[in-house]
Amino acid sequence: MEPAPHFDVVIFGDGSAAIDGESVPVMPGEPIDVAILDMLHGYARVRDASVTGAIQDPSSGYVAIVEVTPDGSSKLLEQRAQAEASEAGQSAGSKGSVVQGEPPVPQLVRARRT
């Protein structure tokens, strides 16, 4: 079985976000997490396959790995300190800082209606 297509998501300090460098469109009054999941859902529908996204919010210091299916459902696969994610995906010379304590409760993944 092929691994699910993967996307890198960054939530910026101004509340905007990008997926693989492409700005995430947000409707007025729409939470950024909903807009991100909607865009990932669109990618899943086009591919007719589940996709994963590594959602980085530098202000929280954590990366959430989510899976979104073509029917719009989503689930949290993993959450880790950003330093761990950086070490896994980059060279040893560009490590992030380790965040101490408990990770924040993920608010990004929620039940979705199609």
PDB file of N, CA and C in Angstrom:
ATOM      1  N   MET A   1       0.839  -1.177   0.000  1.00  0.00           N
ATOM      2  CA  MET A   1       0.000   0.000   0.000  1.00  0.00           C
ATOM      3  C   MET A   1       0.890   1.247   0.000  1.00  0.00           C
ATOM      4  N   GLU A   2       0.553   2.216  -0.862  1.00  0.00           N
ATOM      5  CA  GLU A   2       1.313   3.459  -0.931  1.00  0.00           C
ATOM      6  C   GLU A   2       1.004   4.333   0.277  1.00  0.00           C
ATOM      7  N   PRO A   3       2.004   5.084   0.762  1.00  0.00           N
ATOM      8  CA  PRO A   3       1.711   6.019   1.855  1.00  0.00           C
ATOM      9  C   PRO A   3       0.808   7.137   1.341  1.00  0.00           C
ATOM     10  N   ALA A   4       0.026   7.703   2.246  1.00  0.00           N
ATOM     11  CA  ALA A   4      -0.873   8.807   1.896  1.00  0.00           C
ATOM     12  C   ALA A   4      -0.062  10.013   1.457  1.00  0.00           C
ATOM     13  N   PRO A   5      -0.554  10.748   0.438  1.00  0.00           N
ATOM     14  CA  PRO A   5       0.128  12.001   0.071  1.00  0.00           C
ATOM     15  C   PRO A   5       0.240  12.903   1.295  1.00  0.00           C
ATOM     16  N   HIS A   6       1.376  13.585   1.429  1.00  0.00           N
ATOM     17  CA  HIS A   6       1.655  14.369   2.623  1.00  0.00           C
ATOM     18  C   HIS A   6       1.815  15.855   2.266  1.00  0.00           C
ATOM     19  N   PHE A   7       1.279  16.710   3.129  1.00  0.00           N
ATOM     20  CA  PHE A   7       1.357  18.153   2.944  1.00  0.00           C
ATOM     21  C   PHE A   7       1.907  18.801   4.211  1.00  0.00           C
ATOM     22  N   ASP A   8       2.692  19.862   4.027  1.00  0.00           N
ATOM     23  CA  ASP A   8       3.213  20.637   5.149  1.00  0.00           C
ATOM     24  C   ASP A   8       2.358  21.878   5.312  1.00  0.00           C
ATOM     25  N   VAL A   9       1.844  22.058   6.519  1.00  0.00           N
ATOM     26  CA  VAL A   9       0.959  23.183   6.833  1.00  0.00           C
ATOM     27  C   VAL A   9       1.644  24.039   7.882  1.00  0.00           C
ATOM     28  N   VAL A  10       1.651  25.362   7.666  1.00  0.00           N
ATOM     29  CA  VAL A  10       2.207  26.288   8.652  1.00  0.00           C
ATOM     30  C   VAL A  10       1.139  27.315   8.985  1.00  0.00           C
ATOM     31  N   ILE A  11       0.903  27.500  10.280  1.00  0.00           N
ATOM     32  CA  ILE A  11       0.012  28.552  10.764  1.00  0.00           C
ATOM     33  C   ILE A  11       0.914  29.688  11.230  1.00  0.00           C
ATOM     34  N   PHE A  12       0.729  30.864  10.636  1.00  0.00           N
ATOM     35  CA  PHE A  12       1.575  32.013  10.932  1.00  0.00           C
ATOM     36  C   PHE A  12       1.033  32.827  12.100  1.00  0.00           C
ATOM     37  N   GLY A  13       1.881  33.665  12.663  1.00  0.00           N
ATOM     38  CA  GLY A  13       1.515  34.484  13.816  1.00  0.00           C
ATOM     39  C   GLY A  13       0.354  35.424  13.565  1.00  0.00           C
ATOM     40  N   ASP A  14       0.134  35.804  12.302  1.00  0.00           N
ATOM     41  CA  ASP A  14      -0.978  36.707  11.994  1.00  0.00           C
ATOM     42  C   ASP A  14      -2.302  35.971  11.824  1.00  0.00           C
ATOM     43  N   GLY A  15      -2.292  34.631  12.017  1.00  0.00           N
ATOM     44  CA  GLY A  15      -3.518  33.851  11.908  1.00  0.00           C
ATOM     45  C   GLY A  15      -3.756  33.266  10.528  1.00  0.00           C
ATOM     46  N   SER A  16      -2.901  33.586   9.561  1.00  0.00           N
ATOM     47  CA  SER A  16      -3.036  32.997   8.231  1.00  0.00           C
ATOM     48  C   SER A  16      -2.298  31.659   8.207  1.00  0.00           C
ATOM     49  N   ALA A  17      -2.476  30.917   7.122  1.00  0.00           N
ATOM     50  CA  ALA A  17      -1.819  29.613   7.002  1.00  0.00           C
ATOM     51  C   ALA A  17      -1.479  29.345   5.547  1.00  0.00           C
ATOM     52  N   ALA A  18      -0.554  28.404   5.348  1.00  0.00           N
ATOM     53  CA  ALA A  18      -0.175  27.964   4.009  1.00  0.00           C
ATOM     54  C   ALA A  18       0.004  26.456   4.030  1.00  0.00           C
ATOM     55  N   ILE A  19      -0.383  25.831   2.923  1.00  0.00           N
ATOM     56  CA  ILE A  19      -0.174  24.397   2.730  1.00  0.00           C
ATOM     57  C   ILE A  19       0.791  24.242   1.567  1.00  0.00           C
ATOM     58  N   ASP A  20       1.953  23.654   1.844  1.00  0.00           N
ATOM     59  CA  ASP A  20       3.017  23.524   0.845  1.00  0.00           C
ATOM     60  C   ASP A  20       3.257  24.849   0.125  1.00  0.00           C
ATOM     61  N   GLY A  21       3.249  25.937   0.888  1.00  0.00           N
ATOM     62  CA  GLY A  21       3.542  27.261   0.346  1.00  0.00           C
ATOM     63  C   GLY A  21       2.358  27.982  -0.271  1.00  0.00           C
ATOM     64  N   GLU A  22       1.223  27.310  -0.417  1.00  0.00           N
ATOM     65  CA  GLU A  22       0.021  27.914  -0.997  1.00  0.00           C
ATOM     66  C   GLU A  22      -0.869  28.461   0.119  1.00  0.00           C
ATOM     67  N   SER A  23      -1.243  29.738   0.003  1.00  0.00           N
ATOM     68  CA  SER A  23      -2.086  30.355   1.026  1.00  0.00           C
ATOM     69  C   SER A  23      -3.413  29.623   1.161  1.00  0.00           C
ATOM     70  N   VAL A  24      -3.861  29.471   2.407  1.00  0.00           N
ATOM     71  CA  VAL A  24      -5.149  28.838   2.682  1.00  0.00           C
ATOM     72  C   VAL A  24      -6.218  29.930   2.662  1.00  0.00           C
ATOM     73  N   PRO A  25      -7.205  29.809   1.766  1.00  0.00           N
ATOM     74  CA  PRO A  25      -8.275  30.816   1.751  1.00  0.00           C
ATOM     75  C   PRO A  25      -9.183  30.631   2.966  1.00  0.00           C
ATOM     76  N   VAL A  26      -9.555  31.755   3.576  1.00  0.00           N
ATOM     77  CA  VAL A  26     -10.402  31.718   4.767  1.00  0.00           C
ATOM     78  C   VAL A  26     -11.594  32.637   4.533  1.00  0.00           C
ATOM     79  N   MET A  27     -12.785  32.102   4.717  1.00  0.00           N
ATOM     80  CA  MET A  27     -14.001  32.900   4.588  1.00  0.00           C
ATOM     81  C   MET A  27     -14.128  33.788   5.828  1.00  0.00           C
ATOM     82  N   PRO A  28     -14.744  34.970   5.694  1.00  0.00           N
ATOM     83  CA  PRO A  28     -14.927  35.841   6.865  1.00  0.00           C
ATOM     84  C   PRO A  28     -15.633  35.093   8.006  1.00  0.00           C
ATOM     85  N   GLY A  29     -15.032  35.164   9.182  1.00  0.00           N
ATOM     86  CA  GLY A  29     -15.594  34.511  10.364  1.00  0.00           C
ATOM     87  C   GLY A  29     -15.267  33.036  10.499  1.00  0.00           C
ATOM     88  N   GLU A  30     -14.594  32.461   9.507  1.00  0.00           N
ATOM     89  CA  GLU A  30     -14.255  31.037   9.547  1.00  0.00           C
ATOM     90  C   GLU A  30     -12.960  30.829  10.330  1.00  0.00           C
ATOM     91  N   PRO A  31     -12.938  29.889  11.267  1.00  0.00           N
ATOM     92  CA  PRO A  31     -11.691  29.595  11.984  1.00  0.00           C
ATOM     93  C   PRO A  31     -10.645  29.013  11.022  1.00  0.00           C
ATOM     94  N   ILE A  32      -9.382  29.326  11.246  1.00  0.00           N
ATOM     95  CA  ILE A  32      -8.309  28.859  10.371  1.00  0.00           C
ATOM     96  C   ILE A  32      -8.233  27.335  10.342  1.00  0.00           C
ATOM     97  N   ASP A  33      -8.537  26.679  11.476  1.00  0.00           N
ATOM     98  CA  ASP A  33      -8.469  25.220  11.491  1.00  0.00           C
ATOM     99  C   ASP A  33      -9.487  24.602  10.537  1.00  0.00           C
ATOM    100  N   VAL A  34     -10.658  25.194  10.436  1.00  0.00           N
ATOM    101  CA  VAL A  34     -11.677  24.698   9.513  1.00  0.00           C
ATOM    102  C   VAL A  34     -11.210  24.891   8.071  1.00  0.00           C
ATOM    103  N   ALA A  35     -10.634  26.048   7.774  1.00  0.00           N
ATOM    104  CA  ALA A  35     -10.142  26.322   6.422  1.00  0.00           C
ATOM    105  C   ALA A  35      -9.031  25.342   6.029  1.00  0.00           C
ATOM    106  N   ILE A  36      -8.138  25.025   6.964  1.00  0.00           N
ATOM    107  CA  ILE A  36      -7.056  24.078   6.693  1.00  0.00           C
ATOM    108  C   ILE A  36      -7.632  22.700   6.393  1.00  0.00           C
ATOM    109  N   LEU A  37      -8.537  22.236   7.235  1.00  0.00           N
ATOM    110  CA  LEU A  37      -9.125  20.915   7.021  1.00  0.00           C
ATOM    111  C   LEU A  37      -9.913  20.869   5.714  1.00  0.00           C
ATOM    112  N   ASP A  38     -10.606  21.960   5.381  1.00  0.00           N
ATOM    113  CA  ASP A  38     -11.343  21.997   4.114  1.00  0.00           C
ATOM    114  C   ASP A  38     -10.403  21.866   2.921  1.00  0.00           C
ATOM    115  N   MET A  39      -9.273  22.553   2.989  1.00  0.00           N
ATOM    116  CA  MET A  39      -8.316  22.489   1.879  1.00  0.00           C
ATOM    117  C   MET A  39      -7.703  21.082   1.777  1.00  0.00           C
ATOM    118  N   LEU A  40      -7.347  20.493   2.913  1.00  0.00           N
ATOM    119  CA  LEU A  40      -6.826  19.126   2.897  1.00  0.00           C
ATOM    120  C   LEU A  40      -7.894  18.159   2.383  1.00  0.00           C
ATOM    121  N   HIS A  41      -9.155  18.388   2.750  1.00  0.00           N
ATOM    122  CA  HIS A  41     -10.257  17.560   2.263  1.00  0.00           C
ATOM    123  C   HIS A  41     -10.344  17.660   0.738  1.00  0.00           C
ATOM    124  N   GLY A  42     -10.182  18.861   0.205  1.00  0.00           N
ATOM    125  CA  GLY A  42     -10.188  19.029  -1.248  1.00  0.00           C
ATOM    126  C   GLY A  42      -9.091  18.222  -1.915  1.00  0.00           C
ATOM    127  N   TYR A  43      -7.893  18.233  -1.322  1.00  0.00           N
ATOM    128  CA  TYR A  43      -6.790  17.436  -1.869  1.00  0.00           C
ATOM    129  C   TYR A  43      -7.128  15.946  -1.826  1.00  0.00           C
ATOM    130  N   ALA A  44      -7.754  15.501  -0.744  1.00  0.00           N
ATOM    131  CA  ALA A  44      -8.131  14.088  -0.611  1.00  0.00           C
ATOM    132  C   ALA A  44      -9.188  13.710  -1.643  1.00  0.00           C
ATOM    133  N   ARG A  45     -10.161  14.582  -1.853  1.00  0.00           N
ATOM    134  CA  ARG A  45     -11.219  14.299  -2.832  1.00  0.00           C
ATOM    135  C   ARG A  45     -10.651  14.201  -4.242  1.00  0.00           C
ATOM    136  N   VAL A  46      -9.769  15.128  -4.618  1.00  0.00           N
ATOM    137  CA  VAL A  46      -9.174  15.116  -5.956  1.00  0.00           C
ATOM    138  C   VAL A  46      -8.401  13.819  -6.181  1.00  0.00           C
ATOM    139  N   ARG A  47      -7.711  13.348  -5.154  1.00  0.00           N
ATOM    140  CA  ARG A  47      -6.900  12.138  -5.265  1.00  0.00           C
ATOM    141  C   ARG A  47      -7.696  10.870  -5.002  1.00  0.00           C
ATOM    142  N   ASP A  48      -8.920  11.030  -4.455  1.00  0.00           N
ATOM    143  CA  ASP A  48      -9.747   9.901  -4.026  1.00  0.00           C
ATOM    144  C   ASP A  48      -8.952   8.982  -3.097  1.00  0.00           C
ATOM    145  N   ALA A  49      -8.199   9.628  -2.207  1.00  0.00           N
ATOM    146  CA  ALA A  49      -7.359   8.906  -1.252  1.00  0.00           C
ATOM    147  C   ALA A  49      -7.123   9.804  -0.038  1.00  0.00           C
ATOM    148  N   SER A  50      -6.882   9.191   1.088  1.00  0.00           N
ATOM    149  CA  SER A  50      -6.564   9.948   2.294  1.00  0.00           C
ATOM    150  C   SER A  50      -5.267  10.712   2.093  1.00  0.00           C
ATOM    151  N   VAL A  51      -5.167  11.870   2.752  1.00  0.00           N
ATOM    152  CA  VAL A  51      -3.934  12.662   2.754  1.00  0.00           C
ATOM    153  C   VAL A  51      -3.558  12.939   4.199  1.00  0.00           C
ATOM    154  N   THR A  52      -2.294  13.225   4.407  1.00  0.00           N
ATOM    155  CA  THR A  52      -1.855  13.627   5.737  1.00  0.00           C
ATOM    156  C   THR A  52      -1.291  15.035   5.661  1.00  0.00           C
ATOM    157  N   GLY A  53      -1.338  15.703   6.791  1.00  0.00           N
ATOM    158  CA  GLY A  53      -0.774  17.039   6.892  1.00  0.00           C
ATOM    159  C   GLY A  53      -0.024  17.191   8.197  1.00  0.00           C
ATOM    160  N   ALA A  54       1.164  17.777   8.131  1.00  0.00           N
ATOM    161  CA  ALA A  54       1.944  18.111   9.323  1.00  0.00           C
ATOM    162  C   ALA A  54       1.683  19.580   9.600  1.00  0.00           C
ATOM    163  N   ILE A  55       0.882  19.860  10.618  1.00  0.00           N
ATOM    164  CA  ILE A  55       0.455  21.218  10.909  1.00  0.00           C
ATOM    165  C   ILE A  55       1.346  21.802  11.991  1.00  0.00           C
ATOM    166  N   GLN A  56       2.107  22.824  11.585  1.00  0.00           N
ATOM    167  CA  GLN A  56       3.050  23.477  12.489  1.00  0.00           C
ATOM    168  C   GLN A  56       2.522  24.840  12.876  1.00  0.00           C
ATOM    169  N   ASP A  57       2.443  25.061  14.163  1.00  0.00           N
ATOM    170  CA  ASP A  57       2.086  26.379  14.693  1.00  0.00           C
ATOM    171  C   ASP A  57       3.238  26.777  15.604  1.00  0.00           C
ATOM    172  N   PRO A  58       4.189  27.558  15.084  1.00  0.00           N
ATOM    173  CA  PRO A  58       5.375  27.895  15.877  1.00  0.00           C
ATOM    174  C   PRO A  58       5.054  28.499  17.232  1.00  0.00           C
ATOM    175  N   SER A  59       3.921  29.179  17.380  1.00  0.00           N
ATOM    176  CA  SER A  59       3.583  29.771  18.674  1.00  0.00           C
ATOM    177  C   SER A  59       3.282  28.716  19.730  1.00  0.00           C
ATOM    178  N   SER A  60       2.839  27.520  19.311  1.00  0.00           N
ATOM    179  CA  SER A  60       2.547  26.459  20.278  1.00  0.00           C
ATOM    180  C   SER A  60       3.752  25.562  20.517  1.00  0.00           C
ATOM    181  N   GLY A  61       4.682  25.527  19.560  1.00  0.00           N
ATOM    182  CA  GLY A  61       5.855  24.672  19.708  1.00  0.00           C
ATOM    183  C   GLY A  61       5.593  23.215  19.399  1.00  0.00           C
ATOM    184  N   TYR A  62       4.428  22.908  18.839  1.00  0.00           N
ATOM    185  CA  TYR A  62       4.072  21.527  18.536  1.00  0.00           C
ATOM    186  C   TYR A  62       3.678  21.373  17.082  1.00  0.00           C
ATOM    187  N   VAL A  63       3.811  20.143  16.589  1.00  0.00           N
ATOM    188  CA  VAL A  63       3.373  19.775  15.250  1.00  0.00           C
ATOM    189  C   VAL A  63       2.330  18.688  15.405  1.00  0.00           C
ATOM    190  N   ALA A  64       1.188  18.869  14.749  1.00  0.00           N
ATOM    191  CA  ALA A  64       0.127  17.863  14.751  1.00  0.00           C
ATOM    192  C   ALA A  64       0.102  17.222  13.369  1.00  0.00           C
ATOM    193  N   ILE A  65       0.104  15.895  13.347  1.00  0.00           N
ATOM    194  CA  ILE A  65      -0.009  15.156  12.092  1.00  0.00           C
ATOM    195  C   ILE A  65      -1.450  14.671  12.003  1.00  0.00           C
ATOM    196  N   VAL A  66      -2.155  15.109  10.967  1.00  0.00           N
ATOM    197  CA  VAL A  66      -3.553  14.729  10.787  1.00  0.00           C
ATOM    198  C   VAL A  66      -3.721  13.945   9.494  1.00  0.00           C
ATOM    199  N   GLU A  67      -4.773  13.153   9.463  1.00  0.00           N
ATOM    200  CA  GLU A  67      -5.170  12.450   8.246  1.00  0.00           C
ATOM    201  C   GLU A  67      -6.576  12.901   7.897  1.00  0.00           C
ATOM    202  N   VAL A  68      -6.792  13.235   6.625  1.00  0.00           N
ATOM    203  CA  VAL A  68      -8.105  13.642   6.141  1.00  0.00           C
ATOM    204  C   VAL A  68      -8.473  12.708   4.996  1.00  0.00           C
ATOM    205  N   THR A  69      -9.694  12.165   5.059  1.00  0.00           N
ATOM    206  CA  THR A  69     -10.158  11.213   4.050  1.00  0.00           C
ATOM    207  C   THR A  69     -11.019  11.907   3.003  1.00  0.00           C
ATOM    208  N   PRO A  70     -11.252  11.256   1.869  1.00  0.00           N
ATOM    209  CA  PRO A  70     -12.080  11.858   0.825  1.00  0.00           C
ATOM    210  C   PRO A  70     -13.504  12.193   1.274  1.00  0.00           C
ATOM    211  N   ASP A  71     -14.006  11.511   2.314  1.00  0.00           N
ATOM    212  CA  ASP A  71     -15.364  11.830   2.792  1.00  0.00           C
ATOM    213  C   ASP A  71     -15.373  13.015   3.752  1.00  0.00           C
ATOM    214  N   GLY A  72     -14.193  13.577   4.052  1.00  0.00           N
ATOM    215  CA  GLY A  72     -14.108  14.763   4.901  1.00  0.00           C
ATOM    216  C   GLY A  72     -13.818  14.490   6.358  1.00  0.00           C
ATOM    217  N   SER A  73     -13.808  13.222   6.760  1.00  0.00           N
ATOM    218  CA  SER A  73     -13.494  12.946   8.162  1.00  0.00           C
ATOM    219  C   SER A  73     -11.993  13.136   8.378  1.00  0.00           C
ATOM    220  N   SER A  74     -11.628  13.443   9.608  1.00  0.00           N
ATOM    221  CA  SER A  74     -10.226  13.681   9.921  1.00  0.00           C
ATOM    222  C   SER A  74      -9.919  13.124  11.296  1.00  0.00           C
ATOM    223  N   LYS A  75      -8.636  12.818  11.494  1.00  0.00           N
ATOM    224  CA  LYS A  75      -8.211  12.338  12.807  1.00  0.00           C
ATOM    225  C   LYS A  75      -6.774  12.754  13.051  1.00  0.00           C
ATOM    226  N   LEU A  76      -6.478  12.924  14.326  1.00  0.00           N
ATOM    227  CA  LEU A  76      -5.124  13.244  14.757  1.00  0.00           C
ATOM    228  C   LEU A  76      -4.334  11.943  14.801  1.00  0.00           C
ATOM    229  N   LEU A  77      -3.244  11.884  14.041  1.00  0.00           N
ATOM    230  CA  LEU A  77      -2.398  10.692  14.038  1.00  0.00           C
ATOM    231  C   LEU A  77      -1.300  10.778  15.073  1.00  0.00           C
ATOM    232  N   GLU A  78      -0.776  11.993  15.258  1.00  0.00           N
ATOM    233  CA  GLU A  78       0.373  12.168  16.151  1.00  0.00           C
ATOM    234  C   GLU A  78       0.519  13.645  16.482  1.00  0.00           C
ATOM    235  N   GLN A  79       1.053  13.902  17.664  1.00  0.00           N
ATOM    236  CA  GLN A  79       1.407  15.271  18.036  1.00  0.00           C
ATOM    237  C   GLN A  79       2.736  15.209  18.763  1.00  0.00           C
ATOM    238  N   ARG A  80       3.659  16.092  18.363  1.00  0.00           N
ATOM    239  CA  ARG A  80       4.985  16.063  18.980  1.00  0.00           C
ATOM    240  C   ARG A  80       5.551  17.474  19.054  1.00  0.00           C
ATOM    241  N   ALA A  81       6.557  17.624  19.905  1.00  0.00           N
ATOM    242  CA  ALA A  81       7.240  18.908  20.024  1.00  0.00           C
ATOM    243  C   ALA A  81       7.873  19.251  18.691  1.00  0.00           C
ATOM    244  N   GLN A  82       7.879  20.512  18.340  1.00  0.00           N
ATOM    245  CA  GLN A  82       8.397  20.946  17.054  1.00  0.00           C
ATOM    246  C   GLN A  82       9.851  20.551  16.862  1.00  0.00           C
ATOM    247  N   ALA A  83      10.640  20.518  17.920  1.00  0.00           N
ATOM    248  CA  ALA A  83      12.047  20.125  17.802  1.00  0.00           C
ATOM    249  C   ALA A  83      12.159  18.697  17.289  1.00  0.00           C
ATOM    250  N   GLU A  84      11.293  17.809  17.772  1.00  0.00           N
ATOM    251  CA  GLU A  84      11.311  16.420  17.320  1.00  0.00           C
ATOM    252  C   GLU A  84      10.957  16.344  15.848  1.00  0.00           C
ATOM    253  N   ALA A  85       9.961  17.127  15.425  1.00  0.00           N
ATOM    254  CA  ALA A  85       9.546  17.124  14.024  1.00  0.00           C
ATOM    255  C   ALA A  85      10.657  17.685  13.149  1.00  0.00           C
ATOM    256  N   SER A  86      11.316  18.731  13.608  1.00  0.00           N
ATOM    257  CA  SER A  86      12.401  19.327  12.830  1.00  0.00           C
ATOM    258  C   SER A  86      13.547  18.351  12.672  1.00  0.00           C
ATOM    259  N   GLU A  87      13.881  17.648  13.731  1.00  0.00           N
ATOM    260  CA  GLU A  87      14.977  16.692  13.672  1.00  0.00           C
ATOM    261  C   GLU A  87      14.643  15.553  12.724  1.00  0.00           C
ATOM    262  N   ALA A  88      13.382  15.150  12.686  1.00  0.00           N
ATOM    263  CA  ALA A  88      12.988  14.041  11.825  1.00  0.00           C
ATOM    264  C   ALA A  88      13.015  14.450  10.354  1.00  0.00           C
ATOM    265  N   GLY A  89      12.713  15.726  10.061  1.00  0.00           N
ATOM    266  CA  GLY A  89      12.583  16.133   8.681  1.00  0.00           C
ATOM    267  C   GLY A  89      13.709  16.975   8.142  1.00  0.00           C
ATOM    268  N   GLN A  90      14.663  17.391   8.963  1.00  0.00           N
ATOM    269  CA  GLN A  90      15.728  18.274   8.510  1.00  0.00           C
ATOM    270  C   GLN A  90      17.078  17.749   8.962  1.00  0.00           C
ATOM    271  N   SER A  91      18.118  18.411   8.512  1.00  0.00           N
ATOM    272  CA  SER A  91      19.461  18.017   8.919  1.00  0.00           C
ATOM    273  C   SER A  91      19.689  18.359  10.387  1.00  0.00           C
ATOM    274  N   ALA A  92      20.659  17.729  10.994  1.00  0.00           N
ATOM    275  CA  ALA A  92      20.930  17.938  12.414  1.00  0.00           C
ATOM    276  C   ALA A  92      21.335  19.366  12.730  1.00  0.00           C
ATOM    277  N   GLY A  93      21.772  20.139  11.742  1.00  0.00           N
ATOM    278  CA  GLY A  93      22.210  21.503  11.981  1.00  0.00           C
ATOM    279  C   GLY A  93      21.084  22.506  12.142  1.00  0.00           C
ATOM    280  N   SER A  94      19.833  22.111  11.931  1.00  0.00           N
ATOM    281  CA  SER A  94      18.732  23.071  12.001  1.00  0.00           C
ATOM    282  C   SER A  94      17.644  22.605  12.963  1.00  0.00           C
ATOM    283  N   LYS A  95      18.026  22.356  14.191  1.00  0.00           N
ATOM    284  CA  LYS A  95      17.090  21.864  15.188  1.00  0.00           C
ATOM    285  C   LYS A  95      16.291  23.001  15.804  1.00  0.00           C
ATOM    286  N   GLY A  96      15.032  22.712  16.118  1.00  0.00           N
ATOM    287  CA  GLY A  96      14.204  23.673  16.841  1.00  0.00           C
ATOM    288  C   GLY A  96      14.437  23.522  18.328  1.00  0.00           C
ATOM    289  N   SER A  97      13.729  24.298  19.106  1.00  0.00           N
ATOM    290  CA  SER A  97      13.886  24.195  20.548  1.00  0.00           C
ATOM    291  C   SER A  97      12.866  23.219  21.119  1.00  0.00           C
ATOM    292  N   VAL A  98      13.225  22.562  22.191  1.00  0.00           N
ATOM    293  CA  VAL A  98      12.340  21.606  22.833  1.00  0.00           C
ATOM    294  C   VAL A  98      11.420  22.357  23.783  1.00  0.00           C
ATOM    295  N   VAL A  99      10.144  22.023  23.726  1.00  0.00           N
ATOM    296  CA  VAL A  99       9.155  22.656  24.586  1.00  0.00           C
ATOM    297  C   VAL A  99       8.867  21.710  25.741  1.00  0.00           C
ATOM    298  N   GLN A 100       8.939  22.222  26.952  1.00  0.00           N
ATOM    299  CA  GLN A 100       8.694  21.411  28.142  1.00  0.00           C
ATOM    300  C   GLN A 100       7.221  21.422  28.499  1.00  0.00           C
ATOM    301  N   GLY A 101       6.775  20.389  29.208  1.00  0.00           N
ATOM    302  CA  GLY A 101       5.401  20.342  29.691  1.00  0.00           C
ATOM    303  C   GLY A 101       4.499  19.552  28.769  1.00  0.00           C
ATOM    304  N   GLU A 102       3.206  19.611  29.071  1.00  0.00           N
ATOM    305  CA  GLU A 102       2.212  18.874  28.310  1.00  0.00           C
ATOM    306  C   GLU A 102       1.863  19.602  27.029  1.00  0.00           C
ATOM    307  N   PRO A 103       1.618  18.860  25.933  1.00  0.00           N
ATOM    308  CA  PRO A 103       1.207  19.527  24.705  1.00  0.00           C
ATOM    309  C   PRO A 103      -0.187  20.114  24.870  1.00  0.00           C
ATOM    310  N   PRO A 104      -0.488  21.173  24.104  1.00  0.00           N
ATOM    311  CA  PRO A 104      -1.823  21.734  24.185  1.00  0.00           C
ATOM    312  C   PRO A 104      -2.841  20.759  23.631  1.00  0.00           C
ATOM    313  N   VAL A 105      -4.077  20.872  24.069  1.00  0.00           N
ATOM    314  CA  VAL A 105      -5.136  20.021  23.553  1.00  0.00           C
ATOM    315  C   VAL A 105      -5.368  20.405  22.093  1.00  0.00           C
ATOM    316  N   PRO A 106      -5.297  19.440  21.177  1.00  0.00           N
ATOM    317  CA  PRO A 106      -5.469  19.796  19.775  1.00  0.00           C
ATOM    318  C   PRO A 106      -6.881  20.299  19.517  1.00  0.00           C
ATOM    319  N   GLN A 107      -6.990  21.442  18.864  1.00  0.00           N
ATOM    320  CA  GLN A 107      -8.286  21.985  18.515  1.00  0.00           C
ATOM    321  C   GLN A 107      -8.515  21.883  17.021  1.00  0.00           C
ATOM    322  N   LEU A 108      -7.543  21.374  16.288  1.00  0.00           N
ATOM    323  CA  LEU A 108      -7.614  21.367  14.847  1.00  0.00           C
ATOM    324  C   LEU A 108      -8.512  20.271  14.302  1.00  0.00           C
ATOM    325  N   VAL A 109      -8.502  19.099  14.924  1.00  0.00           N
ATOM    326  CA  VAL A 109      -9.231  17.969  14.382  1.00  0.00           C
ATOM    327  C   VAL A 109     -10.581  17.878  15.046  1.00  0.00           C
ATOM    328  N   ARG A 110     -11.608  17.850  14.237  1.00  0.00           N
ATOM    329  CA  ARG A 110     -12.973  17.737  14.759  1.00  0.00           C
ATOM    330  C   ARG A 110     -13.807  16.966  13.770  1.00  0.00           C
ATOM    331  N   ALA A 111     -14.915  16.442  14.226  1.00  0.00           N
ATOM    332  CA  ALA A 111     -15.810  15.699  13.346  1.00  0.00           C
ATOM    333  C   ALA A 111     -16.294  16.608  12.241  1.00  0.00           C
ATOM    334  N   ARG A 112     -16.428  16.064  11.054  1.00  0.00           N
ATOM    335  CA  ARG A 112     -16.800  16.872   9.896  1.00  0.00           C
ATOM    336  C   ARG A 112     -18.046  16.303   9.248  1.00  0.00           C
ATOM    337  N   ARG A 113     -18.849  17.179   8.715  1.00  0.00           N
ATOM    338  CA  ARG A 113     -20.004  16.763   7.933  1.00  0.00           C
ATOM    339  C   ARG A 113     -19.665  16.908   6.464  1.00  0.00           C
ATOM    340  N   THR A 114     -20.198  16.016   5.649  1.00  0.00           N
ATOM    341  CA  THR A 114     -19.955  16.123   4.208  1.00  0.00           C
ATOM    342  C   THR A 114     -21.172  16.637   3.496  1.00  0.00           C
TER     343      THR A 114
END
